[in-house]
Each structure stands twice: as structure tokens, then as C-alpha cells.
Amino acid sequence: MKKQRKKILLAAMVMLTGLGAMAQGDGSAGITEATQMVTAYFDPATQLIYAIGAVVGLIGGVKVYGKFSSGDPDTSKTAASWFGACIFLIVAATILRSFFL
């Protein structure tokens, strides 16, 4: 009985040592896979930001037109802020895409 227990223990130790040796590595395959997964999201994310910028531009255009039609004196300030928001979204998406890809 004692001999059989020693054999089982030795076999378990050999298996664990073998698994530990196979798990060793520099991790470059995992890093490469993670990089590919992250970069795969940049094109859809950039398109989404462009679409959000388009919607913000349309909403801003309607708001500015409403202020202009009503004769509001600060129409130019409102137009500049909405236009700046659209430009920021487009430039931010383009710069992030070019920086990370």
C-alpha cells in the first residue's frame, strides 16, 4: 500500500512539473493576440465616432437655425460651440486611430 501511494505521488509530481514547464514562455503570443483584438475594434469605433459627430452636427445645425430664426443675439456663439464639438469629435477619432494603429 505504501509503495502504491509513493508511485501515485511521484506520478502526480511528474505531471505537475511537466505542466509547469509547458506553461513557461515569454508571453509574446498572448500580447500579440491581445494587440490584434484591440486594433480590430478601432475601425468600428472610428466609424461610430464619425456617426456621433454627424448626429451632433445635425442637432447643432437645427439649434443654430432655431436661434437665428428667432433673432437671438448670441447665435454666433452657439454656432461656434456646436461646430467646435463636431470638429473635436472628428479630429479626436482621427488622431486616436493614427496614434494607435
N, C-alpha and C. Protein backbone atom coordinates (compact mmCIF):
# COMPACT_ATOMS: atom_id res chain seq x y z
N MET A 1 0.82 -1.20 0.00
CA MET A 1 0.00 0.00 0.00
C MET A 1 0.87 1.26 0.00
N LYS A 2 1.94 1.24 0.79
CA LYS A 2 2.82 2.39 0.87
C LYS A 2 3.54 2.63 -0.46
N LYS A 3 3.92 1.53 -1.12
CA LYS A 3 4.61 1.64 -2.39
C LYS A 3 3.70 2.23 -3.47
N GLN A 4 2.45 1.83 -3.47
CA GLN A 4 1.49 2.33 -4.45
C GLN A 4 1.24 3.83 -4.24
N ARG A 5 1.15 4.24 -2.98
CA ARG A 5 0.94 5.66 -2.66
C ARG A 5 2.13 6.49 -3.15
N LYS A 6 3.35 5.96 -2.98
CA LYS A 6 4.55 6.67 -3.43
C LYS A 6 4.55 6.80 -4.96
N LYS A 7 4.13 5.76 -5.66
CA LYS A 7 4.08 5.80 -7.12
C LYS A 7 3.06 6.84 -7.60
N ILE A 8 1.91 6.88 -6.95
CA ILE A 8 0.88 7.86 -7.33
C ILE A 8 1.38 9.28 -7.07
N LEU A 9 2.02 9.47 -5.92
CA LEU A 9 2.56 10.79 -5.58
C LEU A 9 3.65 11.20 -6.57
N LEU A 10 4.54 10.25 -6.92
CA LEU A 10 5.60 10.54 -7.88
C LEU A 10 5.02 10.86 -9.26
N ALA A 11 4.01 10.11 -9.67
CA ALA A 11 3.38 10.38 -10.97
C ALA A 11 2.72 11.76 -10.98
N ALA A 12 2.06 12.12 -9.88
CA ALA A 12 1.43 13.44 -9.80
C ALA A 12 2.48 14.54 -9.85
N MET A 13 3.61 14.34 -9.17
CA MET A 13 4.67 15.36 -9.19
C MET A 13 5.26 15.52 -10.58
N VAL A 14 5.45 14.39 -11.27
CA VAL A 14 6.00 14.45 -12.63
C VAL A 14 5.03 15.18 -13.55
N MET A 15 3.75 14.91 -13.41
CA MET A 15 2.75 15.58 -14.25
C MET A 15 2.72 17.08 -13.97
N LEU A 16 2.76 17.46 -12.71
CA LEU A 16 2.73 18.88 -12.36
C LEU A 16 3.99 19.59 -12.84
N THR A 17 5.13 18.93 -12.76
CA THR A 17 6.37 19.51 -13.26
C THR A 17 6.30 19.71 -14.77
N GLY A 18 5.75 18.71 -15.46
CA GLY A 18 5.60 18.81 -16.92
C GLY A 18 4.66 19.94 -17.31
N LEU A 19 3.56 20.08 -16.58
CA LEU A 19 2.62 21.17 -16.88
C LEU A 19 3.26 22.52 -16.62
N GLY A 20 4.04 22.63 -15.57
CA GLY A 20 4.72 23.89 -15.27
C GLY A 20 5.72 24.25 -16.35
N ALA A 21 6.41 23.24 -16.87
CA ALA A 21 7.39 23.50 -17.93
C ALA A 21 6.70 23.94 -19.22
N MET A 22 5.53 23.36 -19.51
CA MET A 22 4.82 23.75 -20.74
C MET A 22 4.20 25.14 -20.61
N ALA A 23 3.88 25.56 -19.40
CA ALA A 23 3.25 26.86 -19.21
C ALA A 23 4.27 27.99 -19.24
N GLN A 24 5.54 27.67 -19.19
CA GLN A 24 6.58 28.69 -19.22
C GLN A 24 6.64 29.30 -20.62
N GLY A 25 7.00 30.54 -20.72
CA GLY A 25 7.15 31.21 -22.00
C GLY A 25 7.28 32.70 -21.79
N ASP A 26 7.54 33.41 -22.85
CA ASP A 26 7.73 34.84 -22.71
C ASP A 26 6.43 35.63 -22.84
N GLY A 27 5.35 34.98 -23.23
CA GLY A 27 4.05 35.64 -23.31
C GLY A 27 3.84 36.47 -24.55
N SER A 28 4.76 36.39 -25.51
CA SER A 28 4.63 37.22 -26.71
C SER A 28 3.42 36.83 -27.54
N ALA A 29 3.05 35.56 -27.53
CA ALA A 29 1.87 35.14 -28.30
C ALA A 29 0.61 35.76 -27.72
N GLY A 30 0.51 35.81 -26.40
CA GLY A 30 -0.65 36.43 -25.75
C GLY A 30 -0.71 37.91 -25.99
N ILE A 31 0.43 38.57 -25.95
CA ILE A 31 0.48 40.02 -26.19
C ILE A 31 0.11 40.32 -27.63
N THR A 32 0.59 39.50 -28.55
CA THR A 32 0.26 39.70 -29.96
C THR A 32 -1.24 39.50 -30.20
N GLU A 33 -1.80 38.48 -29.58
CA GLU A 33 -3.24 38.23 -29.74
C GLU A 33 -4.07 39.37 -29.15
N ALA A 34 -3.66 39.87 -27.99
CA ALA A 34 -4.38 40.99 -27.37
C ALA A 34 -4.28 42.25 -28.23
N THR A 35 -3.12 42.49 -28.80
CA THR A 35 -2.95 43.65 -29.68
C THR A 35 -3.84 43.56 -30.90
N GLN A 36 -3.93 42.37 -31.49
CA GLN A 36 -4.79 42.19 -32.65
C GLN A 36 -6.26 42.37 -32.29
N MET A 37 -6.64 41.91 -31.11
CA MET A 37 -8.04 42.06 -30.70
C MET A 37 -8.39 43.53 -30.49
N VAL A 38 -7.47 44.28 -29.87
CA VAL A 38 -7.74 45.70 -29.60
C VAL A 38 -7.76 46.49 -30.90
N THR A 39 -6.82 46.24 -31.78
CA THR A 39 -6.78 47.00 -33.04
C THR A 39 -7.95 46.66 -33.95
N ALA A 40 -8.56 45.50 -33.75
CA ALA A 40 -9.73 45.14 -34.57
C ALA A 40 -10.92 46.02 -34.24
N TYR A 41 -10.95 46.62 -33.05
CA TYR A 41 -12.06 47.48 -32.65
C TYR A 41 -11.90 48.92 -33.10
N PHE A 42 -10.74 49.32 -33.60
CA PHE A 42 -10.52 50.72 -33.93
C PHE A 42 -11.34 51.18 -35.13
N ASP A 43 -11.44 50.37 -36.17
CA ASP A 43 -12.22 50.79 -37.33
C ASP A 43 -13.70 50.97 -37.00
N PRO A 44 -14.35 50.01 -36.33
CA PRO A 44 -15.75 50.26 -35.96
C PRO A 44 -15.92 51.42 -34.99
N ALA A 45 -14.98 51.57 -34.06
CA ALA A 45 -15.07 52.68 -33.10
C ALA A 45 -14.91 54.03 -33.80
N THR A 46 -14.01 54.10 -34.76
CA THR A 46 -13.82 55.34 -35.51
C THR A 46 -15.08 55.67 -36.31
N GLN A 47 -15.67 54.68 -36.93
CA GLN A 47 -16.91 54.91 -37.68
C GLN A 47 -18.04 55.35 -36.75
N LEU A 48 -18.09 54.78 -35.56
CA LEU A 48 -19.11 55.16 -34.59
C LEU A 48 -18.92 56.61 -34.15
N ILE A 49 -17.69 57.01 -33.92
CA ILE A 49 -17.43 58.40 -33.51
C ILE A 49 -17.78 59.36 -34.64
N TYR A 50 -17.49 58.98 -35.88
CA TYR A 50 -17.88 59.82 -37.02
C TYR A 50 -19.40 59.95 -37.10
N ALA A 51 -20.10 58.86 -36.86
CA ALA A 51 -21.57 58.90 -36.90
C ALA A 51 -22.11 59.79 -35.78
N ILE A 52 -21.53 59.69 -34.60
CA ILE A 52 -21.95 60.55 -33.49
C ILE A 52 -21.68 62.01 -33.83
N GLY A 53 -20.53 62.27 -34.47
CA GLY A 53 -20.22 63.64 -34.90
C GLY A 53 -21.23 64.17 -35.90
N ALA A 54 -21.68 63.29 -36.80
CA ALA A 54 -22.69 63.71 -37.79
C ALA A 54 -24.01 64.05 -37.11
N VAL A 55 -24.41 63.23 -36.15
CA VAL A 55 -25.66 63.49 -35.43
C VAL A 55 -25.55 64.78 -34.62
N VAL A 56 -24.42 64.97 -33.96
CA VAL A 56 -24.21 66.21 -33.19
C VAL A 56 -24.24 67.41 -34.13
N GLY A 57 -23.66 67.27 -35.32
CA GLY A 57 -23.70 68.36 -36.30
C GLY A 57 -25.10 68.69 -36.75
N LEU A 58 -25.91 67.67 -36.99
CA LEU A 58 -27.29 67.91 -37.41
C LEU A 58 -28.10 68.58 -36.29
N ILE A 59 -27.94 68.09 -35.08
CA ILE A 59 -28.64 68.70 -33.95
C ILE A 59 -28.19 70.15 -33.75
N GLY A 60 -26.89 70.36 -33.87
CA GLY A 60 -26.36 71.72 -33.73
C GLY A 60 -26.89 72.64 -34.82
N GLY A 61 -26.96 72.12 -36.04
CA GLY A 61 -27.49 72.92 -37.14
C GLY A 61 -28.93 73.33 -36.90
N VAL A 62 -29.73 72.41 -36.40
CA VAL A 62 -31.13 72.73 -36.11
C VAL A 62 -31.23 73.76 -34.99
N LYS A 63 -30.40 73.60 -33.95
CA LYS A 63 -30.43 74.55 -32.83
C LYS A 63 -30.00 75.94 -33.29
N VAL A 64 -28.95 76.01 -34.09
CA VAL A 64 -28.47 77.31 -34.57
C VAL A 64 -29.50 77.95 -35.48
N TYR A 65 -30.12 77.16 -36.35
CA TYR A 65 -31.16 77.69 -37.22
C TYR A 65 -32.33 78.24 -36.40
N GLY A 66 -32.71 77.52 -35.35
CA GLY A 66 -33.79 77.99 -34.49
C GLY A 66 -33.45 79.31 -33.83
N LYS A 67 -32.21 79.43 -33.35
CA LYS A 67 -31.80 80.68 -32.71
C LYS A 67 -31.72 81.82 -33.73
N PHE A 68 -31.21 81.48 -34.93
CA PHE A 68 -31.09 82.51 -35.96
C PHE A 68 -32.46 83.00 -36.40
N SER A 69 -33.40 82.07 -36.53
CA SER A 69 -34.76 82.43 -36.97
C SER A 69 -35.49 83.27 -35.94
N SER A 70 -35.20 83.03 -34.67
CA SER A 70 -35.88 83.79 -33.62
C SER A 70 -35.20 85.14 -33.34
N GLY A 71 -34.04 85.38 -33.97
CA GLY A 71 -33.36 86.66 -33.79
C GLY A 71 -32.53 86.74 -32.52
N ASP A 72 -32.12 85.62 -32.00
CA ASP A 72 -31.30 85.59 -30.79
C ASP A 72 -29.93 86.21 -31.07
N PRO A 73 -29.45 87.09 -30.19
CA PRO A 73 -28.18 87.78 -30.47
C PRO A 73 -26.94 86.90 -30.32
N ASP A 74 -27.01 85.83 -29.59
CA ASP A 74 -25.80 85.01 -29.40
C ASP A 74 -25.77 83.78 -30.32
N THR A 75 -26.26 83.94 -31.53
CA THR A 75 -26.29 82.84 -32.50
C THR A 75 -24.88 82.41 -32.88
N SER A 76 -23.98 83.36 -33.05
CA SER A 76 -22.62 83.02 -33.47
C SER A 76 -21.90 82.22 -32.39
N LYS A 77 -22.15 82.53 -31.13
CA LYS A 77 -21.52 81.78 -30.04
C LYS A 77 -22.03 80.33 -30.02
N THR A 78 -23.31 80.16 -30.21
CA THR A 78 -23.89 78.82 -30.25
C THR A 78 -23.38 78.03 -31.45
N ALA A 79 -23.30 78.70 -32.60
CA ALA A 79 -22.80 78.02 -33.81
C ALA A 79 -21.34 77.60 -33.62
N ALA A 80 -20.55 78.47 -33.02
CA ALA A 80 -19.14 78.15 -32.80
C ALA A 80 -18.98 76.97 -31.84
N SER A 81 -19.81 76.91 -30.81
CA SER A 81 -19.68 75.82 -29.85
C SER A 81 -20.09 74.48 -30.46
N TRP A 82 -21.18 74.46 -31.23
CA TRP A 82 -21.59 73.22 -31.87
C TRP A 82 -20.60 72.80 -32.95
N PHE A 83 -20.11 73.74 -33.72
CA PHE A 83 -19.13 73.44 -34.76
C PHE A 83 -17.84 72.93 -34.12
N GLY A 84 -17.43 73.53 -33.01
CA GLY A 84 -16.23 73.07 -32.30
C GLY A 84 -16.38 71.66 -31.77
N ALA A 85 -17.58 71.33 -31.29
CA ALA A 85 -17.82 69.97 -30.81
C ALA A 85 -17.69 68.95 -31.93
N CYS A 86 -18.23 69.27 -33.09
CA CYS A 86 -18.13 68.36 -34.24
C CYS A 86 -16.69 68.19 -34.69
N ILE A 87 -15.97 69.29 -34.79
CA ILE A 87 -14.57 69.23 -35.20
C ILE A 87 -13.75 68.43 -34.19
N PHE A 88 -14.03 68.63 -32.88
CA PHE A 88 -13.30 67.88 -31.86
C PHE A 88 -13.52 66.38 -32.02
N LEU A 89 -14.77 65.97 -32.23
CA LEU A 89 -15.04 64.54 -32.38
C LEU A 89 -14.30 63.95 -33.58
N ILE A 90 -14.33 64.64 -34.69
CA ILE A 90 -13.68 64.13 -35.90
C ILE A 90 -12.17 64.09 -35.74
N VAL A 91 -11.59 65.16 -35.20
CA VAL A 91 -10.14 65.21 -35.03
C VAL A 91 -9.68 64.20 -33.98
N ALA A 92 -10.44 64.07 -32.89
CA ALA A 92 -10.05 63.12 -31.84
C ALA A 92 -10.08 61.69 -32.38
N ALA A 93 -11.09 61.34 -33.14
CA ALA A 93 -11.16 59.99 -33.70
C ALA A 93 -10.01 59.74 -34.67
N THR A 94 -9.70 60.71 -35.49
CA THR A 94 -8.63 60.55 -36.47
C THR A 94 -7.27 60.45 -35.78
N ILE A 95 -7.03 61.29 -34.80
CA ILE A 95 -5.74 61.26 -34.11
C ILE A 95 -5.57 59.98 -33.31
N LEU A 96 -6.63 59.53 -32.61
CA LEU A 96 -6.52 58.28 -31.86
C LEU A 96 -6.26 57.10 -32.77
N ARG A 97 -6.93 57.09 -33.91
CA ARG A 97 -6.72 56.00 -34.86
C ARG A 97 -5.30 56.00 -35.41
N SER A 98 -4.79 57.17 -35.77
CA SER A 98 -3.45 57.24 -36.32
C SER A 98 -2.39 57.01 -35.24
N PHE A 99 -2.69 57.35 -34.00
CA PHE A 99 -1.73 57.17 -32.91
C PHE A 99 -1.59 55.70 -32.54
N PHE A 100 -2.69 54.97 -32.50
CA PHE A 100 -2.64 53.60 -32.05
C PHE A 100 -2.49 52.57 -33.16
N LEU A 101 -2.71 52.95 -34.39
CA LEU A 101 -2.54 51.97 -35.48
C LEU A 101 -1.35 52.30 -36.26
